[in-house]
Protein backbone atom coordinates (compact mmCIF):
# COMPACT_ATOMS: atom_id res chain seq x y z
CA MET A 1 124.16 106.68 78.94
CA PRO A 2 122.97 103.76 76.75
CA SER A 3 121.51 104.63 73.36
CA GLY A 4 117.74 104.89 73.27
CA THR A 5 117.40 106.11 76.85
CA TYR A 6 116.92 109.82 76.18
CA PRO A 7 113.12 109.70 75.69
CA LEU A 8 112.82 107.86 79.02
CA VAL A 9 114.91 110.54 80.71
CA ARG A 10 112.77 113.33 79.27
CA ARG A 11 109.53 111.64 80.26
CA THR A 12 110.85 110.87 83.74
CA ALA A 13 112.17 114.39 84.31
CA ARG A 14 108.83 115.95 83.34
CA ARG A 15 106.93 113.80 85.81
CA PHE A 16 109.06 114.45 88.90
CA ARG A 17 107.27 116.56 91.49
CA GLY A 18 108.99 118.62 94.18
CA TRP A 19 112.38 118.51 92.42
CA GLY A 20 114.21 121.33 90.71
CA GLY A 21 114.68 120.91 86.96
CA VAL A 22 118.41 120.24 87.16
CA THR A 23 118.05 117.80 90.03
CA ALA A 24 115.18 115.97 88.35
CA MET A 25 117.25 115.43 85.24
CA ALA A 26 120.22 114.27 87.30
CA VAL A 27 118.08 111.69 89.09
CA ALA A 28 116.49 110.54 85.85
CA CYS A 29 119.95 109.99 84.41
CA GLY A 30 120.84 108.09 87.59
CA LEU A 31 117.83 105.84 86.98
CA THR A 32 119.13 104.75 83.58
CA ALA A 33 122.77 104.63 84.64
CA SER A 34 121.98 102.44 87.63
CA LEU A 35 121.35 99.41 85.44
CA THR A 36 125.06 98.73 84.89
CA LEU A 37 128.33 98.87 86.79
CA LEU A 38 129.85 102.20 85.83
CA PRO A 39 133.37 103.47 86.47
CA LEU A 40 133.35 107.03 87.75
CA ALA A 41 135.96 109.73 87.62
CA HIS A 42 138.89 109.78 90.04
CA ASP A 43 137.04 112.30 92.12
CA GLY A 44 139.43 114.68 93.79
CA GLY A 45 136.95 116.97 93.25
CA ALA A 46 112.19 110.21 110.50
CA VAL A 47 114.94 109.30 112.94
CA ALA A 48 117.11 106.20 112.73
CA ALA A 49 116.01 103.31 114.89
CA ALA A 50 116.74 103.91 118.56
CA PRO A 51 118.89 107.04 118.15
CA GLY A 52 121.26 107.71 120.97
CA THR A 53 121.43 104.08 122.10
CA HIS A 54 124.65 103.13 120.42
CA GLY A 55 126.55 101.88 123.43
CA PRO A 56 129.27 103.21 125.71
CA GLY A 57 130.76 105.70 123.26
CA PRO A 58 132.00 106.12 119.70
CA GLY A 59 135.58 105.14 120.40
CA VAL A 60 134.95 102.25 122.79
CA GLY A 61 135.16 98.76 121.32
CA THR A 62 133.54 95.72 122.89
CA GLY A 63 134.80 92.18 122.39
CA VAL A 64 132.11 89.54 122.06
CA GLN A 65 132.27 85.76 121.85
CA ILE A 66 130.61 84.48 118.68
CA LYS A 67 129.74 80.80 118.40
CA ALA A 68 130.71 79.21 115.10
CA ASP A 69 127.26 77.71 114.51
CA THR A 70 125.21 80.80 115.41
CA CYS A 71 124.88 84.38 114.29
CA GLU A 72 124.08 86.30 117.42
CA ARG A 73 125.94 89.53 116.62
CA PRO A 74 126.73 89.72 112.89
CA GLU A 75 128.07 93.27 113.30
CA ALA A 76 131.07 92.00 115.31
CA SER A 77 134.20 92.37 113.16
CA LEU A 78 137.96 91.78 113.26
CA THR A 79 140.10 93.78 115.64
CA PRO A 80 141.70 96.90 114.15
CA SER A 81 145.22 96.86 112.75
CA SER A 82 147.36 99.17 110.62
CA ALA A 83 149.63 96.32 109.47
CA ASP A 84 149.98 95.74 105.74
CA GLY A 85 148.96 92.44 104.19
CA PRO A 86 148.38 91.13 100.66
CA SER A 87 145.21 93.14 100.06
CA ILE A 88 146.74 96.40 101.26
CA GLY A 89 149.91 95.62 99.28
CA ALA A 90 147.93 95.22 96.05
CA ILE A 91 146.18 98.53 96.61
CA LYS A 92 149.48 100.30 97.27
CA ASP A 93 151.02 98.77 94.15
CA ARG A 94 148.08 100.07 92.11
CA GLY A 95 148.22 103.48 93.77
CA LYS A 96 144.43 103.74 93.97
CA LEU A 97 141.69 102.36 96.21
CA VAL A 98 138.68 101.22 94.17
CA VAL A 99 135.41 101.70 96.02
CA GLY A 100 131.87 100.75 95.02
CA VAL A 101 129.42 103.53 95.90
CA ASP A 102 126.01 104.90 95.10
CA GLN A 103 125.73 108.00 92.94
CA SER A 104 122.02 108.66 93.36
CA SER A 105 121.23 108.51 97.11
CA TYR A 106 120.84 112.05 98.35
CA ARG A 107 123.12 112.85 101.27
CA TRP A 108 124.80 109.42 101.21
CA GLY A 109 126.39 109.04 97.80
CA TYR A 110 125.16 111.29 95.01
CA ARG A 111 126.50 113.40 92.19
CA ASN A 112 125.97 117.09 92.83
CA PRO A 113 123.98 118.32 89.80
CA GLU A 114 125.79 121.67 89.82
CA THR A 115 129.41 120.59 90.35
CA ARG A 116 129.11 116.98 89.09
CA ALA A 117 131.27 115.94 92.06
CA LEU A 118 130.40 112.92 94.17
CA GLU A 119 129.31 113.92 97.67
CA GLY A 120 127.77 112.45 100.77
CA PHE A 121 128.32 110.64 104.04
CA ASP A 122 129.57 107.41 102.44
CA ILE A 123 131.83 109.33 100.06
CA ASP A 124 133.54 111.10 102.97
CA LEU A 125 134.19 107.76 104.68
CA ALA A 126 135.62 106.23 101.50
CA ARG A 127 138.00 109.16 101.14
CA ALA A 128 139.14 108.76 104.77
CA ILE A 129 140.00 105.10 104.10
CA ALA A 130 141.93 106.03 100.96
CA LYS A 131 143.90 108.64 102.91
CA SER A 132 144.85 106.09 105.57
CA ILE A 133 146.08 103.52 103.05
CA LEU A 134 147.57 105.74 100.34
CA GLY A 135 148.18 109.09 102.03
CA SER A 136 145.64 111.06 100.00
CA GLU A 137 141.87 111.22 100.10
CA ASP A 138 141.97 111.71 96.32
CA ALA A 139 143.72 108.37 95.74
CA VAL A 140 140.39 106.69 95.08
CA ILE A 141 138.45 105.45 92.08
CA PHE A 142 134.71 105.39 92.61
CA ARG A 143 132.54 102.89 90.76
CA ALA A 144 128.76 103.26 90.77
CA ILE A 145 127.14 99.93 91.56
CA PRO A 146 123.45 99.02 91.79
CA THR A 147 122.12 97.64 95.06
CA ASN A 148 121.86 94.13 93.66
CA GLN A 149 125.47 94.13 92.37
CA ARG A 150 127.33 95.05 95.55
CA ILE A 151 128.42 91.51 96.43
CA ALA A 152 129.12 90.56 92.81
CA ALA A 153 131.38 93.60 92.41
CA LEU A 154 133.49 92.42 95.36
CA ASP A 155 133.57 88.79 94.23
CA SER A 156 134.71 89.75 90.73
CA GLY A 157 137.44 92.07 92.00
CA LYS A 158 135.95 95.13 90.30
CA VAL A 159 136.11 96.96 93.62
CA ASP A 160 138.23 96.65 96.77
CA LEU A 161 135.49 97.89 99.06
CA VAL A 162 131.80 98.72 99.03
CA VAL A 163 130.78 101.81 101.00
CA ARG A 164 127.12 102.01 100.08
CA THR A 165 124.66 101.92 103.00
CA MET A 166 125.11 98.14 103.11
CA THR A 167 123.38 96.41 106.01
CA ILE A 168 125.34 93.81 107.98
CA ASN A 169 123.30 90.65 108.53
CA CYS A 170 123.73 86.92 109.08
CA LYS A 171 123.25 86.02 105.42
CA ARG A 172 125.73 88.56 104.11
CA ILE A 173 128.56 87.75 106.50
CA GLN A 174 128.71 84.38 104.74
CA GLN A 175 129.29 86.22 101.45
CA VAL A 176 131.49 89.22 102.27
CA ALA A 177 133.65 90.53 105.11
CA PHE A 178 132.32 93.53 107.01
CA SER A 179 133.93 96.25 109.05
CA THR A 180 132.47 97.29 112.36
CA ALA A 181 129.20 99.20 112.05
CA TYR A 182 129.45 102.88 111.15
CA PHE A 183 125.73 103.76 111.14
CA GLN A 184 122.45 102.50 112.58
CA ALA A 185 119.20 102.61 110.60
CA GLY A 186 115.88 100.79 110.29
CA GLN A 187 113.42 99.71 107.60
CA GLN A 188 110.39 101.95 107.13
CA VAL A 189 107.62 102.67 104.61
CA LEU A 190 107.77 105.67 102.27
CA ALA A 191 104.54 106.74 100.54
CA PRO A 192 102.77 109.86 99.24
CA LYS A 193 101.46 112.20 101.92
CA LEU A 194 98.03 111.99 100.31
CA ALA A 195 97.98 108.20 100.76
CA ARG A 196 96.46 108.41 104.23
CA ASP A 197 95.28 104.81 104.01
CA ILE A 198 98.91 103.66 104.23
CA THR A 199 99.97 103.85 107.87
CA GLY A 200 103.25 101.90 107.92
CA TYR A 201 104.55 98.37 107.75
CA ASP A 202 101.23 96.78 108.63
CA SER A 203 97.96 95.49 107.18
CA SER A 204 97.41 98.83 105.43
CA LEU A 205 99.78 97.50 102.73
CA ARG A 206 97.33 94.77 101.71
CA GLY A 207 96.78 94.92 97.97
CA LYS A 208 99.23 97.81 97.57
CA ARG A 209 102.06 97.76 95.03
CA VAL A 210 105.25 98.01 97.08
CA CYS A 211 108.68 98.62 95.56
CA THR A 212 112.03 97.44 96.93
CA ALA A 213 115.56 97.06 95.60
CA GLU A 214 116.67 93.59 94.55
CA GLY A 215 119.01 92.04 97.09
CA SER A 216 117.95 94.49 99.81
CA THR A 217 116.95 93.73 103.37
CA ALA A 218 113.63 95.44 102.62
CA TYR A 219 112.86 92.78 100.03
CA GLU A 220 113.79 90.06 102.52
CA ALA A 221 111.44 91.61 105.10
CA LEU A 222 108.55 91.52 102.66
CA GLU A 223 109.36 87.91 101.81
CA GLU A 224 108.92 87.09 105.50
CA ASN A 225 105.75 89.16 105.95
CA SER A 226 104.24 91.15 103.10
CA PHE A 227 100.91 91.90 104.85
CA GLY A 228 99.28 91.01 101.53
CA ALA A 229 101.25 93.60 99.54
CA LEU A 230 102.23 93.01 95.92
CA PHE A 231 106.02 93.16 95.88
CA LYS A 232 107.30 90.59 93.35
CA ASP A 233 107.46 91.18 89.63
CA GLU A 234 106.17 88.53 87.30
CA ARG A 235 109.22 86.58 86.06
CA ASP A 236 111.24 88.23 88.82
CA GLY A 237 114.98 87.70 88.36
CA THR A 238 114.74 86.50 84.75
CA LYS A 239 115.58 88.29 81.51
CA ASP A 240 111.87 89.14 81.22
CA ASP A 241 111.77 90.86 84.62
CA LYS A 242 110.14 94.28 84.12
CA ASP A 243 111.91 95.77 87.17
CA LEU A 244 108.75 97.48 88.33
CA LEU A 245 108.28 96.27 91.91
CA THR A 246 111.81 94.92 92.38
CA VAL A 247 114.43 97.24 90.91
CA PRO A 248 118.24 97.27 90.62
CA ASN A 249 118.66 100.53 92.55
CA GLN A 250 116.70 101.78 95.54
CA LEU A 251 116.24 105.26 94.04
CA ASP A 252 114.42 103.66 91.10
CA CYS A 253 111.62 102.96 93.59
CA LEU A 254 111.20 106.67 94.23
CA ALA A 255 110.88 107.29 90.49
CA ARG A 256 108.23 104.55 90.28
CA LEU A 257 106.38 106.12 93.22
CA GLN A 258 106.46 109.60 91.68
CA MET A 259 105.13 108.26 88.39
CA GLY A 260 102.28 106.43 90.13
CA GLU A 261 103.51 102.99 89.13
CA VAL A 262 103.72 101.80 92.76
CA ASP A 263 101.88 102.81 95.92
CA ALA A 264 104.69 102.64 98.49
CA VAL A 265 108.37 101.90 99.00
CA VAL A 266 110.06 99.92 101.76
CA THR A 267 113.67 100.90 102.39
CA ASP A 268 116.11 102.06 105.05
CA ASN A 269 114.73 105.12 106.81
CA ALA A 270 118.15 106.73 106.52
CA LEU A 271 117.78 106.70 102.73
CA ALA A 272 114.06 107.42 102.74
CA ALA A 273 114.52 110.54 104.87
CA GLY A 274 116.79 112.01 102.21
CA GLN A 275 114.23 111.21 99.53
CA ALA A 276 111.45 112.81 101.54
CA ALA A 277 113.64 115.90 101.88
CA GLN A 278 113.96 116.03 98.08
CA ASP A 279 110.27 115.55 97.37
CA PRO A 280 107.76 117.21 99.71
CA ALA A 281 104.94 115.08 98.27
CA VAL A 282 106.17 111.92 100.05
CA GLU A 283 106.75 111.05 103.70
CA LEU A 284 107.81 108.26 106.04
CA LYS A 285 104.88 106.26 107.38
CA GLY A 286 104.70 104.54 110.76
CA ARG A 287 107.87 103.66 112.64
CA PRO A 288 111.05 101.75 111.76
CA PHE A 289 110.39 98.01 112.13
CA THR A 290 113.99 96.76 112.14
CA THR A 291 117.35 97.76 113.58
CA GLU A 292 120.12 97.59 111.00
CA PHE A 293 123.80 98.45 110.96
CA TYR A 294 125.75 99.67 107.93
CA GLY A 295 129.26 98.35 107.40
CA VAL A 296 132.07 98.69 104.88
CA ALA A 297 132.28 95.45 102.88
CA ALA A 298 135.30 93.67 101.40
CA ARG A 299 135.80 90.33 99.69
CA LEU A 300 135.86 87.36 102.05
CA GLY A 301 139.41 86.58 103.10
CA ASN A 302 140.73 90.13 102.74
CA ASP A 303 141.23 90.31 106.49
CA ASP A 304 144.10 92.80 106.42
CA LEU A 305 141.92 95.27 104.51
CA ILE A 306 139.01 94.91 106.94
CA ARG A 307 141.36 95.34 109.90
CA ARG A 308 142.72 98.54 108.32
CA VAL A 309 139.18 99.87 107.75
CA ASN A 310 138.39 99.14 111.39
CA GLN A 311 141.53 101.03 112.39
CA VAL A 312 140.33 104.00 110.32
CA LEU A 313 136.92 103.82 111.99
CA VAL A 314 138.47 104.02 115.48
CA ALA A 315 139.65 107.55 114.74
CA TYR A 316 136.72 108.38 112.45
CA ARG A 317 134.21 107.87 115.27
CA ASN A 318 135.91 110.57 117.32
CA GLY A 319 135.34 113.74 115.31
CA PRO A 320 135.13 113.15 111.54
CA TRP A 321 131.96 111.06 111.90
CA GLN A 322 130.22 113.85 113.79
CA ALA A 323 131.34 116.43 111.22
CA ALA A 324 130.05 114.30 108.34
CA TYR A 325 126.76 113.66 110.14
CA LYS A 326 126.28 117.37 110.76
CA GLN A 327 127.04 118.25 107.14
CA TRP A 328 125.06 115.55 105.36
CA LEU A 329 122.45 113.93 107.61
CA GLN A 330 121.47 115.97 110.65
CA ALA A 331 118.86 118.08 108.85
CA ASP A 332 116.97 114.99 107.65
CA LEU A 333 117.88 112.56 110.46
CA PRO A 334 118.04 114.67 113.62
CA GLY A 335 118.67 113.41 117.12
CA ILE A 336 121.40 110.82 116.52
CA SER A 337 124.01 111.21 119.25
CA GLY A 338 126.83 109.31 117.57
CA PRO A 339 127.91 106.21 115.66
CA PRO A 340 127.37 102.67 116.95
CA ALA A 341 130.06 101.48 119.32
CA PRO A 342 132.29 98.89 117.60
CA LEU A 343 132.01 95.20 118.39
CA TYR A 344 135.00 92.89 117.85
CA LYS A 345 135.25 89.12 117.61
């Protein structure tokens, strides 16, 4: 933790409502730690949009024709393969798979405050990929990366993959390579239960202070239609950015909401449902207003690695996915029948 952050942590921990003392402190530490790219230990140790409409079945892939000058189905990925290539070879030579993850999103990627181990749906998937490539689910190095540093971490080579609730869209497929989709979610509004004047992603946001993560699809949605909400910091993106309305990590928005510094949050409902489960004072408002697919991301050009991830996902959809969903997500996101069916180019 950077020097000078302890008073912030103490103040933040005192002001959390609906959290146990240990968990509040863990999240407050996550708030300060989220500002930088942090190497982690070699860890050995509200319904999603249109649930149940994921296609013909978890193991059935569909080939689609994608025109070069359009982006009709950005979630279509390369066909699966277990063949080694230069990217896989480099990982095997190193003996570890380096994966960018979240460490503060409850149920997805978070550090258990009692055991200090990384846990969650994305963590399980990352371990399954490591086992396929290197023979052991413990052959992985996790690096905590803020939302707005996911692409930069891949471009710089700091991580081989990002498994961090990353939405596949037309803009991002020009920047990184994605696997087939492993989860379906949607953007939704999170606000205090007592804020009855906020009804969802609509005109009730006019004049409200709305928080999003920098580089997120939620921020892009507000850029297209903010309904009169205040969502951009003064000097946004500069060294003088106060990171109040636009923050490096999505969980920072929840801290801002709990401290009364913002009125609402826009984020993936899959993440927001976990936050609502942690804090009974907040709830999801309205309905999801987008359909989004999460994918595993790699650096552009690392086709052999993406093909291997897709090969892992073929088997993962038929059993392990359901087990991970039941363990981590079902209580907060009930009613999802299975993963999205894969689409291939």
